[in-house]
C-alpha atoms as a PDB file:
ATOM      1  CA  MET A   1      -9.564 -30.972  33.555  1.00  0.00           C
ATOM      2  CA  LYS A   2      -8.753 -32.164  29.974  1.00  0.00           C
ATOM      3  CA  ILE A   3     -12.391 -31.673  28.962  1.00  0.00           C
ATOM      4  CA  ARG A   4     -12.330 -28.061  30.218  1.00  0.00           C
ATOM      5  CA  ILE A   5      -9.148 -27.253  28.305  1.00  0.00           C
ATOM      6  CA  PHE A   6     -10.598 -28.905  25.190  1.00  0.00           C
ATOM      7  CA  ALA A   7     -13.833 -26.971  25.612  1.00  0.00           C
ATOM      8  CA  LEU A   8     -11.939 -23.744  26.053  1.00  0.00           C
ATOM      9  CA  ILE A   9      -9.887 -24.364  22.876  1.00  0.00           C
ATOM     10  CA  ILE A  10     -13.119 -25.141  20.907  1.00  0.00           C
ATOM     11  CA  LEU A  11     -14.743 -21.950  22.298  1.00  0.00           C
ATOM     12  CA  LEU A  12     -11.746 -19.747  21.475  1.00  0.00           C
ATOM     13  CA  ALA A  13     -11.414 -21.235  18.005  1.00  0.00           C
ATOM     14  CA  SER A  14     -15.077 -20.591  17.209  1.00  0.00           C
ATOM     15  CA  VAL A  15     -14.877 -17.043  18.546  1.00  0.00           C
ATOM     16  CA  PHE A  16     -11.800 -16.124  16.540  1.00  0.00           C
ATOM     17  CA  SER A  17     -13.141 -17.719  13.349  1.00  0.00           C
ATOM     18  CA  ALA A  18     -16.406 -15.811  13.673  1.00  0.00           C
ATOM     19  CA  CYS A  19     -14.576 -12.500  14.154  1.00  0.00           C
ATOM     20  CA  SER A  20     -12.211 -12.647  11.220  1.00  0.00           C
ATOM     21  CA  TYR A  21     -11.590  -9.425   9.348  1.00  0.00           C
ATOM     22  CA  LYS A  22      -9.958  -8.975   6.019  1.00  0.00           C
ATOM     23  CA  PHE A  23      -8.318  -5.629   5.087  1.00  0.00           C
ATOM     24  CA  SER A  24      -8.211  -5.491   1.336  1.00  0.00           C
ATOM     25  CA  GLY A  25      -6.760  -2.008   0.657  1.00  0.00           C
ATOM     26  CA  ALA A  26      -6.697  -0.696  -2.900  1.00  0.00           C
ATOM     27  CA  SER A  27      -8.164  -2.940  -5.546  1.00  0.00           C
ATOM     28  CA  THR A  28      -7.223  -2.352  -9.180  1.00  0.00           C
ATOM     29  CA  THR A  29      -8.241  -5.793 -10.421  1.00  0.00           C
ATOM     30  CA  GLY A  30      -8.339  -5.894 -14.209  1.00  0.00           C
ATOM     31  CA  LEU A  31      -6.995  -2.367 -14.597  1.00  0.00           C
ATOM     32  CA  LYS A  32      -3.696  -1.565 -16.285  1.00  0.00           C
ATOM     33  CA  THR A  33      -4.113   2.049 -17.380  1.00  0.00           C
ATOM     34  CA  VAL A  34      -5.906   5.098 -16.010  1.00  0.00           C
ATOM     35  CA  VAL A  35      -6.524   8.539 -17.496  1.00  0.00           C
ATOM     36  CA  VAL A  36      -6.672  11.541 -15.193  1.00  0.00           C
ATOM     37  CA  ARG A  37      -7.959  14.544 -17.041  1.00  0.00           C
ATOM     38  CA  VAL A  38      -7.158  18.065 -15.766  1.00  0.00           C
ATOM     39  CA  PHE A  39      -9.853  19.230 -13.362  1.00  0.00           C
ATOM     40  CA  GLU A  40     -11.647  22.318 -14.718  1.00  0.00           C
ATOM     41  CA  ASN A  41     -11.888  25.278 -12.341  1.00  0.00           C
ATOM     42  CA  ASN A  42     -15.505  26.401 -12.278  1.00  0.00           C
ATOM     43  CA  ALA A  43     -15.433  27.845  -8.763  1.00  0.00           C
ATOM     44  CA  PRO A  44     -16.714  31.416  -8.328  1.00  0.00           C
ATOM     45  CA  LEU A  45     -13.322  32.384  -6.869  1.00  0.00           C
ATOM     46  CA  VAL A  46     -10.551  31.035  -9.157  1.00  0.00           C
ATOM     47  CA  VAL A  47      -6.982  30.294  -8.083  1.00  0.00           C
ATOM     48  CA  PRO A  48      -5.009  29.831 -11.319  1.00  0.00           C
ATOM     49  CA  THR A  49      -2.803  26.943 -10.115  1.00  0.00           C
ATOM     50  CA  LEU A  50      -5.453  25.018  -8.226  1.00  0.00           C
ATOM     51  CA  SER A  51      -6.663  22.979 -11.200  1.00  0.00           C
ATOM     52  CA  ASN A  52      -3.250  21.499 -11.858  1.00  0.00           C
ATOM     53  CA  GLN A  53      -2.441  21.002  -8.141  1.00  0.00           C
ATOM     54  CA  ILE A  54      -5.565  18.872  -7.577  1.00  0.00           C
ATOM     55  CA  THR A  55      -4.991  16.875 -10.781  1.00  0.00           C
ATOM     56  CA  GLU A  56      -1.306  16.232  -9.925  1.00  0.00           C
ATOM     57  CA  SER A  57      -2.165  15.314  -6.337  1.00  0.00           C
ATOM     58  CA  LEU A  58      -4.525  12.587  -7.547  1.00  0.00           C
ATOM     59  CA  LYS A  59      -1.977  11.318 -10.163  1.00  0.00           C
ATOM     60  CA  SER A  60       0.721  11.203  -7.487  1.00  0.00           C
ATOM     61  CA  ARG A  61      -1.495   9.112  -5.146  1.00  0.00           C
ATOM     62  CA  ILE A  62      -2.293   6.687  -7.962  1.00  0.00           C
ATOM     63  CA  ARG A  63       1.402   6.391  -8.927  1.00  0.00           C
ATOM     64  CA  ASN A  64       2.445   5.845  -5.269  1.00  0.00           C
ATOM     65  CA  GLN A  65      -0.217   3.393  -4.263  1.00  0.00           C
ATOM     66  CA  THR A  66      -0.900   1.280  -7.392  1.00  0.00           C
ATOM     67  CA  LYS A  67       0.868  -0.188 -10.356  1.00  0.00           C
ATOM     68  CA  LEU A  68      -1.438   1.527 -12.821  1.00  0.00           C
ATOM     69  CA  ILE A  69       0.065   3.335 -15.822  1.00  0.00           C
ATOM     70  CA  ILE A  70      -1.258   6.881 -16.141  1.00  0.00           C
ATOM     71  CA  SER A  71      -2.066   7.370 -19.788  1.00  0.00           C
ATOM     72  CA  PRO A  72      -1.648  11.015 -20.915  1.00  0.00           C
ATOM     73  CA  THR A  73      -4.375  10.833 -23.553  1.00  0.00           C
ATOM     74  CA  GLY A  74      -7.098   8.597 -24.982  1.00  0.00           C
ATOM     75  CA  GLU A  75      -9.115   6.022 -23.075  1.00  0.00           C
ATOM     76  CA  GLY A  76      -7.677   3.934 -20.318  1.00  0.00           C
ATOM     77  CA  ASP A  77      -9.158   1.038 -18.453  1.00  0.00           C
ATOM     78  CA  ALA A  78     -10.446   3.691 -16.049  1.00  0.00           C
ATOM     79  CA  SER A  79     -10.671   7.466 -16.166  1.00  0.00           C
ATOM     80  CA  PHE A  80     -11.121  10.416 -13.845  1.00  0.00           C
ATOM     81  CA  GLU A  81     -12.448  13.809 -14.753  1.00  0.00           C
ATOM     82  CA  GLY A  82     -13.636  16.558 -12.565  1.00  0.00           C
ATOM     83  CA  ARG A  83     -14.452  20.171 -11.784  1.00  0.00           C
ATOM     84  CA  ILE A  84     -13.570  22.436  -8.963  1.00  0.00           C
ATOM     85  CA  THR A  85     -16.999  23.731  -7.981  1.00  0.00           C
ATOM     86  CA  GLY A  86     -16.121  25.540  -4.807  1.00  0.00           C
ATOM     87  CA  TYR A  87     -13.301  27.573  -3.335  1.00  0.00           C
ATOM     88  CA  ASP A  88     -14.277  29.617  -0.351  1.00  0.00           C
ATOM     89  CA  ILE A  89     -12.577  31.421   2.553  1.00  0.00           C
ATOM     90  CA  LYS A  90     -14.772  32.287   5.547  1.00  0.00           C
ATOM     91  CA  PRO A  91     -14.068  33.463   9.077  1.00  0.00           C
ATOM     92  CA  VAL A  92     -14.558  30.958  11.902  1.00  0.00           C
ATOM     93  CA  ALA A  93     -13.874  30.843  15.584  1.00  0.00           C
ATOM     94  CA  LEU A  94     -15.362  34.297  16.411  1.00  0.00           C
ATOM     95  CA  GLN A  95     -13.705  35.881  19.407  1.00  0.00           C
ATOM     96  CA  ASN A  96     -15.794  37.482  22.121  1.00  0.00           C
ATOM     97  CA  SER A  97     -15.228  41.127  22.169  1.00  0.00           C
ATOM     98  CA  ALA A  98     -17.140  44.439  21.656  1.00  0.00           C
ATOM     99  CA  THR A  99     -16.872  43.963  17.926  1.00  0.00           C
ATOM    100  CA  PRO A 100     -16.833  40.300  16.896  1.00  0.00           C
ATOM    101  CA  THR A 101     -13.615  39.386  15.066  1.00  0.00           C
ATOM    102  CA  SER A 102     -12.489  36.195  13.571  1.00  0.00           C
ATOM    103  CA  GLY A 103      -9.839  34.076  15.311  1.00  0.00           C
ATOM    104  CA  ALA A 104      -9.333  31.850  12.282  1.00  0.00           C
ATOM    105  CA  ASN A 105     -10.246  31.419   8.652  1.00  0.00           C
ATOM    106  CA  ARG A 106     -11.583  28.314   6.971  1.00  0.00           C
ATOM    107  CA  LEU A 107     -10.607  27.467   3.411  1.00  0.00           C
ATOM    108  CA  THR A 108     -13.139  25.019   1.806  1.00  0.00           C
ATOM    109  CA  ILE A 109     -12.620  23.354  -1.544  1.00  0.00           C
ATOM    110  CA  THR A 110     -15.246  21.216  -3.315  1.00  0.00           C
ATOM    111  CA  VAL A 111     -14.636  19.098  -6.349  1.00  0.00           C
ATOM    112  CA  SER A 112     -17.101  17.131  -8.462  1.00  0.00           C
ATOM    113  CA  VAL A 113     -15.513  13.916  -9.800  1.00  0.00           C
ATOM    114  CA  LYS A 114     -16.609  11.457 -12.400  1.00  0.00           C
ATOM    115  CA  TYR A 115     -14.822   8.080 -12.290  1.00  0.00           C
ATOM    116  CA  LYS A 116     -15.477   5.550 -14.988  1.00  0.00           C
ATOM    117  CA  ASN A 117     -14.258   1.984 -14.893  1.00  0.00           C
ATOM    118  CA  ASN A 118     -14.254   0.766 -18.501  1.00  0.00           C
ATOM    119  CA  ILE A 119     -13.719  -2.904 -17.665  1.00  0.00           C
ATOM    120  CA  LYS A 120     -16.975  -4.697 -18.397  1.00  0.00           C
ATOM    121  CA  GLU A 121     -17.244  -6.701 -15.165  1.00  0.00           C
ATOM    122  CA  HIS A 122     -16.282  -3.657 -13.003  1.00  0.00           C
ATOM    123  CA  GLU A 123     -18.554  -0.986 -14.603  1.00  0.00           C
ATOM    124  CA  LYS A 124     -20.697  -0.899 -11.449  1.00  0.00           C
ATOM    125  CA  GLU A 125     -17.687   0.654  -9.590  1.00  0.00           C
ATOM    126  CA  SER A 126     -18.079   3.861 -11.658  1.00  0.00           C
ATOM    127  CA  PHE A 127     -19.383   6.953  -9.857  1.00  0.00           C
ATOM    128  CA  GLU A 128     -20.101  10.669 -10.044  1.00  0.00           C
ATOM    129  CA  GLU A 129     -19.783  12.394  -6.707  1.00  0.00           C
ATOM    130  CA  SER A 130     -18.741  15.631  -4.986  1.00  0.00           C
ATOM    131  CA  PHE A 131     -16.001  15.757  -2.362  1.00  0.00           C
ATOM    132  CA  THR A 132     -15.529  18.636   0.103  1.00  0.00           C
ATOM    133  CA  LYS A 133     -12.657  19.275   2.511  1.00  0.00           C
ATOM    134  CA  PHE A 134     -11.668  22.273   4.610  1.00  0.00           C
ATOM    135  CA  PHE A 135      -8.678  23.568   6.489  1.00  0.00           C
ATOM    136  CA  ASP A 136      -8.742  26.068   9.368  1.00  0.00           C
ATOM    137  CA  PHE A 137      -5.816  28.385   9.867  1.00  0.00           C
ATOM    138  CA  PRO A 138      -5.410  30.958  12.644  1.00  0.00           C
ATOM    139  CA  ILE A 139      -5.122  34.629  12.052  1.00  0.00           C
ATOM    140  CA  ASN A 140      -1.843  35.381  13.737  1.00  0.00           C
ATOM    141  CA  GLY A 141      -0.786  38.523  11.964  1.00  0.00           C
ATOM    142  CA  ALA A 142       0.602  36.696   8.906  1.00  0.00           C
ATOM    143  CA  PRO A 143      -0.901  37.725   5.545  1.00  0.00           C
ATOM    144  CA  ILE A 144      -3.451  35.215   4.330  1.00  0.00           C
ATOM    145  CA  GLN A 145      -1.545  34.818   1.022  1.00  0.00           C
ATOM    146  CA  THR A 146       1.393  33.289   2.879  1.00  0.00           C
ATOM    147  CA  LEU A 147      -0.861  30.693   4.641  1.00  0.00           C
ATOM    148  CA  LEU A 148      -2.950  29.654   1.622  1.00  0.00           C
ATOM    149  CA  PRO A 149      -0.340  27.450  -0.153  1.00  0.00           C
ATOM    150  CA  GLY A 150      -0.021  25.173   2.952  1.00  0.00           C
ATOM    151  CA  ALA A 151      -3.778  25.049   3.408  1.00  0.00           C
ATOM    152  CA  ILE A 152      -4.351  24.213  -0.270  1.00  0.00           C
ATOM    153  CA  GLU A 153      -1.723  21.404  -0.121  1.00  0.00           C
ATOM    154  CA  ASN A 154      -3.340  19.945   3.023  1.00  0.00           C
ATOM    155  CA  ILE A 155      -6.770  19.966   1.407  1.00  0.00           C
ATOM    156  CA  ASN A 156      -5.452  18.464  -1.920  1.00  0.00           C
ATOM    157  CA  LYS A 157      -3.994  15.526   0.014  1.00  0.00           C
ATOM    158  CA  GLN A 158      -7.303  14.895   1.787  1.00  0.00           C
ATOM    159  CA  LEU A 159      -9.301  15.232  -1.463  1.00  0.00           C
ATOM    160  CA  SER A 160      -7.035  12.934  -3.430  1.00  0.00           C
ATOM    161  CA  GLU A 161      -7.131  10.399  -0.599  1.00  0.00           C
ATOM    162  CA  ASP A 162     -10.985  10.447  -0.543  1.00  0.00           C
ATOM    163  CA  ILE A 163     -11.250  10.246  -4.373  1.00  0.00           C
ATOM    164  CA  PHE A 164      -8.678   7.378  -4.505  1.00  0.00           C
ATOM    165  CA  ASN A 165     -10.413   5.435  -1.710  1.00  0.00           C
ATOM    166  CA  ARG A 166     -13.817   5.859  -3.330  1.00  0.00           C
ATOM    167  CA  ALA A 167     -12.489   4.494  -6.647  1.00  0.00           C
ATOM    168  CA  PHE A 168     -10.151   1.761  -5.473  1.00  0.00           C
ATOM    169  CA  ALA A 169     -10.747   0.802  -1.848  1.00  0.00           C
ATOM    170  CA  GLN A 170     -13.258  -1.972  -1.612  1.00  0.00           C
ATOM    171  CA  TRP A 171     -13.933  -1.870   2.126  1.00  0.00           C
END
């Protein structure tokens, strides 16, 4: 009986040690400052406030989830710059009727981001990549202009999370 218990303990110990998982979260090792330049709006359809909204959303995520100091100018230990390359509203969820009509609209925003880690031993973490997110909102009689601010805010949160994770999450 003692041998069985001992064997079971050895088996469980080996299983649990083989299946260990480490969640590292955001890694800003070696970084003290970051520069976030205003994202240019190069989309064919331009919303005047979108550039600042996306930039501020990314800055806010960095402030809330790291101890990095956001430098207003110059070069930091890391830097973000980007362009809004797409802003598009298209109908989705076509309803079945004699004349097809849309049951919802999809707002899609695409940004191209260049992240540069200026710390010598972390230069390989730099990247240049595009990120796209969308938000569907139903057509329920409300003017589209009243629905867009909420849709833009939702997409900005998703984009800033993806950009932040790509730059700082090492998992």
